[in-house]
């Protein structure tokens, strides 16, 4: 029984920004979580267009849209999406967590959309309020549950 419980957990490397988005989007839940009236899926609430953009940018990710229910896969999609659209070349400066949050919620033009500000502020507050904020580390490991 103990070995079954140990097998039910996985460790995922993520940044404090990624954890904050996960917290804001789904209170750190994982699975077939549908949001935005069925237009977004999973722990990071990924829409079909963002999924397609990320796969076009980095086809090595593979998978299908339904895989967005898994945190590890969702992080790959988010990282590819932000690597494509939230860059120094596009912004004219090094991207901040605010820029990343605004891009994540508002799409490629998110950093310039007023409508993305409230969401980005929630993400920044989640980073600042996190018990991990005092670690001073950019990345950490988190344990997630769920049988695969």
C-alpha atoms as a PDB file:
ATOM      1  CA  UNK A   1       0.000   0.000   0.000  1.00  0.00           C
ATOM      2  CA  UNK A   2       2.813   2.411   0.820  1.00  0.00           C
ATOM      3  CA  UNK A   3       4.499   1.778  -2.530  1.00  0.00           C
ATOM      4  CA  UNK A   4       1.195   2.525  -4.269  1.00  0.00           C
ATOM      5  CA  UNK A   5       0.976   5.872  -2.472  1.00  0.00           C
ATOM      6  CA  UNK A   6       4.553   6.742  -3.351  1.00  0.00           C
ATOM      7  CA  UNK A   7       3.880   5.930  -7.006  1.00  0.00           C
ATOM      8  CA  UNK A   8       0.886   8.247  -6.968  1.00  0.00           C
ATOM      9  CA  UNK A   9       3.028  11.352  -6.573  1.00  0.00           C
ATOM     10  CA  UNK A  10       5.295  13.043  -9.084  1.00  0.00           C
ATOM     11  CA  UNK A  11       7.782  15.877  -8.687  1.00  0.00           C
ATOM     12  CA  UNK A  12       7.608  18.805 -11.078  1.00  0.00           C
ATOM     13  CA  UNK A  13      10.196  21.571 -11.431  1.00  0.00           C
ATOM     14  CA  UNK A  14       8.616  24.987 -11.737  1.00  0.00           C
ATOM     15  CA  UNK A  15       9.385  28.624 -11.147  1.00  0.00           C
ATOM     16  CA  UNK A  16       7.606  30.782  -8.606  1.00  0.00           C
ATOM     17  CA  UNK A  17       5.900  32.504 -11.544  1.00  0.00           C
ATOM     18  CA  UNK A  18       4.558  29.184 -12.840  1.00  0.00           C
ATOM     19  CA  UNK A  19       3.355  28.206  -9.375  1.00  0.00           C
ATOM     20  CA  UNK A  20       1.605  31.571  -9.009  1.00  0.00           C
ATOM     21  CA  UNK A  21      -0.202  31.133 -12.337  1.00  0.00           C
ATOM     22  CA  UNK A  22      -1.257  27.649 -11.254  1.00  0.00           C
ATOM     23  CA  UNK A  23      -2.543  29.083  -7.973  1.00  0.00           C
ATOM     24  CA  UNK A  24      -4.437  31.950  -9.654  1.00  0.00           C
ATOM     25  CA  UNK A  25      -5.911  29.754 -12.385  1.00  0.00           C
ATOM     26  CA  UNK A  26      -7.058  26.694 -10.416  1.00  0.00           C
ATOM     27  CA  UNK A  27      -5.908  26.978  -6.776  1.00  0.00           C
ATOM     28  CA  UNK A  28      -3.197  24.422  -7.596  1.00  0.00           C
ATOM     29  CA  UNK A  29      -5.599  21.743  -8.794  1.00  0.00           C
ATOM     30  CA  UNK A  30      -4.852  19.348 -11.613  1.00  0.00           C
ATOM     31  CA  UNK A  31      -7.045  17.349 -13.973  1.00  0.00           C
ATOM     32  CA  UNK A  32      -9.882  17.888 -16.426  1.00  0.00           C
ATOM     33  CA  UNK A  33     -10.688  21.344 -15.106  1.00  0.00           C
ATOM     34  CA  UNK A  34     -12.691  23.314 -17.650  1.00  0.00           C
ATOM     35  CA  UNK A  35     -12.857  27.107 -17.423  1.00  0.00           C
ATOM     36  CA  UNK A  36     -13.868  30.111 -19.502  1.00  0.00           C
ATOM     37  CA  UNK A  37     -17.174  28.448 -20.425  1.00  0.00           C
ATOM     38  CA  UNK A  38     -15.359  25.339 -21.643  1.00  0.00           C
ATOM     39  CA  UNK A  39     -12.699  27.183 -23.633  1.00  0.00           C
ATOM     40  CA  UNK A  40      -9.752  26.471 -21.277  1.00  0.00           C
ATOM     41  CA  UNK A  41      -8.486  23.208 -19.844  1.00  0.00           C
ATOM     42  CA  UNK A  42      -6.286  22.000 -17.020  1.00  0.00           C
ATOM     43  CA  UNK A  43      -4.262  23.393 -14.144  1.00  0.00           C
ATOM     44  CA  UNK A  44      -3.039  26.397 -16.168  1.00  0.00           C
ATOM     45  CA  UNK A  45      -6.317  26.874 -18.082  1.00  0.00           C
ATOM     46  CA  UNK A  46      -4.905  26.516 -21.590  1.00  0.00           C
ATOM     47  CA  UNK A  47      -7.042  27.416 -24.578  1.00  0.00           C
ATOM     48  CA  UNK A  48      -6.878  25.582 -27.895  1.00  0.00           C
ATOM     49  CA  UNK A  49      -5.241  28.540 -29.687  1.00  0.00           C
ATOM     50  CA  UNK A  50      -2.453  28.803 -27.075  1.00  0.00           C
ATOM     51  CA  UNK A  51      -1.925  25.050 -27.296  1.00  0.00           C
ATOM     52  CA  UNK A  52      -1.657  25.203 -31.095  1.00  0.00           C
ATOM     53  CA  UNK A  53       0.716  28.209 -30.945  1.00  0.00           C
ATOM     54  CA  UNK A  54       2.985  26.432 -28.474  1.00  0.00           C
ATOM     55  CA  UNK A  55       3.097  23.238 -30.547  1.00  0.00           C
ATOM     56  CA  UNK A  56       3.806  25.211 -33.709  1.00  0.00           C
ATOM     57  CA  UNK A  57       6.689  26.952 -31.927  1.00  0.00           C
ATOM     58  CA  UNK A  58       8.021  23.725 -30.361  1.00  0.00           C
ATOM     59  CA  UNK A  59       6.695  20.595 -32.104  1.00  0.00           C
ATOM     60  CA  UNK A  60       8.900  18.389 -29.902  1.00  0.00           C
ATOM     61  CA  UNK A  61       6.326  18.815 -27.102  1.00  0.00           C
ATOM     62  CA  UNK A  62       3.887  16.610 -29.006  1.00  0.00           C
ATOM     63  CA  UNK A  63       0.682  15.451 -27.399  1.00  0.00           C
ATOM     64  CA  UNK A  64      -2.894  16.523 -27.859  1.00  0.00           C
ATOM     65  CA  UNK A  65      -5.052  19.219 -26.326  1.00  0.00           C
ATOM     66  CA  UNK A  66      -6.538  16.845 -23.732  1.00  0.00           C
ATOM     67  CA  UNK A  67      -3.027  16.398 -22.291  1.00  0.00           C
ATOM     68  CA  UNK A  68      -3.380  19.918 -20.884  1.00  0.00           C
ATOM     69  CA  UNK A  69      -5.133  18.310 -17.912  1.00  0.00           C
ATOM     70  CA  UNK A  70      -1.659  17.319 -16.636  1.00  0.00           C
ATOM     71  CA  UNK A  71       0.485  19.945 -14.911  1.00  0.00           C
ATOM     72  CA  UNK A  72       3.788  18.785 -16.376  1.00  0.00           C
ATOM     73  CA  UNK A  73       2.422  18.937 -19.949  1.00  0.00           C
ATOM     74  CA  UNK A  74       0.717  22.287 -19.272  1.00  0.00           C
ATOM     75  CA  UNK A  75       4.021  23.742 -18.109  1.00  0.00           C
ATOM     76  CA  UNK A  76       5.679  22.685 -21.360  1.00  0.00           C
ATOM     77  CA  UNK A  77       2.917  24.414 -23.313  1.00  0.00           C
ATOM     78  CA  UNK A  78       3.123  27.565 -21.184  1.00  0.00           C
ATOM     79  CA  UNK A  79       6.907  27.734 -21.463  1.00  0.00           C
ATOM     80  CA  UNK A  80       6.814  27.364 -25.252  1.00  0.00           C
ATOM     81  CA  UNK A  81       4.039  29.939 -25.576  1.00  0.00           C
ATOM     82  CA  UNK A  82       5.908  32.490 -23.476  1.00  0.00           C
ATOM     83  CA  UNK A  83       9.201  31.715 -25.256  1.00  0.00           C
ATOM     84  CA  UNK A  84       7.430  32.537 -28.501  1.00  0.00           C
ATOM     85  CA  UNK A  85       5.554  35.691 -27.502  1.00  0.00           C
ATOM     86  CA  UNK A  86       7.104  37.161 -24.351  1.00  0.00           C
ATOM     87  CA  UNK A  87      10.609  37.949 -25.538  1.00  0.00           C
ATOM     88  CA  UNK A  88      13.080  40.779 -25.271  1.00  0.00           C
ATOM     89  CA  UNK A  89      12.869  41.266 -29.041  1.00  0.00           C
ATOM     90  CA  UNK A  90       9.086  41.794 -28.900  1.00  0.00           C
ATOM     91  CA  UNK A  91       9.047  43.933 -25.756  1.00  0.00           C
ATOM     92  CA  UNK A  92      12.210  45.948 -26.360  1.00  0.00           C
ATOM     93  CA  UNK A  93      13.456  44.955 -22.874  1.00  0.00           C
ATOM     94  CA  UNK A  94      13.899  41.890 -20.716  1.00  0.00           C
ATOM     95  CA  UNK A  95      10.470  40.384 -19.891  1.00  0.00           C
ATOM     96  CA  UNK A  96       9.288  40.605 -16.296  1.00  0.00           C
ATOM     97  CA  UNK A  97       6.851  38.349 -14.466  1.00  0.00           C
ATOM     98  CA  UNK A  98       4.241  41.044 -15.083  1.00  0.00           C
ATOM     99  CA  UNK A  99       4.905  40.802 -18.838  1.00  0.00           C
ATOM    100  CA  UNK A 100       4.692  37.008 -18.697  1.00  0.00           C
ATOM    101  CA  UNK A 101       1.379  37.095 -16.829  1.00  0.00           C
ATOM    102  CA  UNK A 102      -0.066  39.674 -19.208  1.00  0.00           C
ATOM    103  CA  UNK A 103       1.020  37.592 -22.214  1.00  0.00           C
ATOM    104  CA  UNK A 104      -0.364  34.407 -20.672  1.00  0.00           C
ATOM    105  CA  UNK A 105      -3.807  35.918 -20.112  1.00  0.00           C
ATOM    106  CA  UNK A 106      -3.932  38.381 -23.005  1.00  0.00           C
ATOM    107  CA  UNK A 107      -2.148  36.581 -25.787  1.00  0.00           C
ATOM    108  CA  UNK A 108       0.650  37.943 -27.953  1.00  0.00           C
ATOM    109  CA  UNK A 109      -0.594  41.535 -27.467  1.00  0.00           C
ATOM    110  CA  UNK A 110      -1.272  40.988 -23.751  1.00  0.00           C
ATOM    111  CA  UNK A 111       1.494  43.253 -22.432  1.00  0.00           C
ATOM    112  CA  UNK A 112      -0.157  46.187 -24.200  1.00  0.00           C
ATOM    113  CA  UNK A 113      -3.762  45.361 -23.292  1.00  0.00           C
ATOM    114  CA  UNK A 114      -5.290  47.170 -20.349  1.00  0.00           C
ATOM    115  CA  UNK A 115      -7.551  44.160 -19.780  1.00  0.00           C
ATOM    116  CA  UNK A 116      -4.547  42.005 -18.788  1.00  0.00           C
ATOM    117  CA  UNK A 117      -3.489  44.184 -15.846  1.00  0.00           C
ATOM    118  CA  UNK A 118      -5.851  42.825 -13.186  1.00  0.00           C
ATOM    119  CA  UNK A 119      -4.880  39.217 -13.862  1.00  0.00           C
ATOM    120  CA  UNK A 120      -1.165  40.078 -13.879  1.00  0.00           C
ATOM    121  CA  UNK A 121      -1.502  41.855 -10.540  1.00  0.00           C
ATOM    122  CA  UNK A 122      -3.115  38.710  -9.079  1.00  0.00           C
ATOM    123  CA  UNK A 123      -0.172  36.628 -10.280  1.00  0.00           C
ATOM    124  CA  UNK A 124       2.355  39.081  -8.828  1.00  0.00           C
ATOM    125  CA  UNK A 125       0.488  39.085  -5.495  1.00  0.00           C
ATOM    126  CA  UNK A 126       0.491  35.280  -5.513  1.00  0.00           C
ATOM    127  CA  UNK A 127       4.270  35.320  -6.009  1.00  0.00           C
ATOM    128  CA  UNK A 128       4.753  37.841  -3.193  1.00  0.00           C
ATOM    129  CA  UNK A 129       2.325  36.114  -0.804  1.00  0.00           C
ATOM    130  CA  UNK A 130       3.682  32.634  -1.419  1.00  0.00           C
ATOM    131  CA  UNK A 131       5.590  30.991   1.418  1.00  0.00           C
ATOM    132  CA  UNK A 132       8.197  30.338  -1.272  1.00  0.00           C
ATOM    133  CA  UNK A 133       8.815  34.081  -1.689  1.00  0.00           C
ATOM    134  CA  UNK A 134      11.344  34.033   1.147  1.00  0.00           C
ATOM    135  CA  UNK A 135      13.370  31.235  -0.464  1.00  0.00           C
ATOM    136  CA  UNK A 136      14.999  33.613  -2.923  1.00  0.00           C
ATOM    137  CA  UNK A 137      15.097  30.827  -5.502  1.00  0.00           C
ATOM    138  CA  UNK A 138      13.827  31.125  -9.027  1.00  0.00           C
ATOM    139  CA  UNK A 139      12.834  27.470  -9.189  1.00  0.00           C
ATOM    140  CA  UNK A 140      11.732  24.732  -6.841  1.00  0.00           C
ATOM    141  CA  UNK A 141      10.219  21.286  -6.946  1.00  0.00           C
ATOM    142  CA  UNK A 142       6.637  20.629  -6.005  1.00  0.00           C
ATOM    143  CA  UNK A 143       4.981  17.311  -5.390  1.00  0.00           C
ATOM    144  CA  UNK A 144       1.674  16.746  -7.105  1.00  0.00           C
ATOM    145  CA  UNK A 145      -0.724  13.918  -6.531  1.00  0.00           C
ATOM    146  CA  UNK A 146      -2.688  11.852  -8.940  1.00  0.00           C
ATOM    147  CA  UNK A 147      -2.403   8.451 -10.452  1.00  0.00           C
ATOM    148  CA  UNK A 148      -1.163   8.585 -14.006  1.00  0.00           C
END
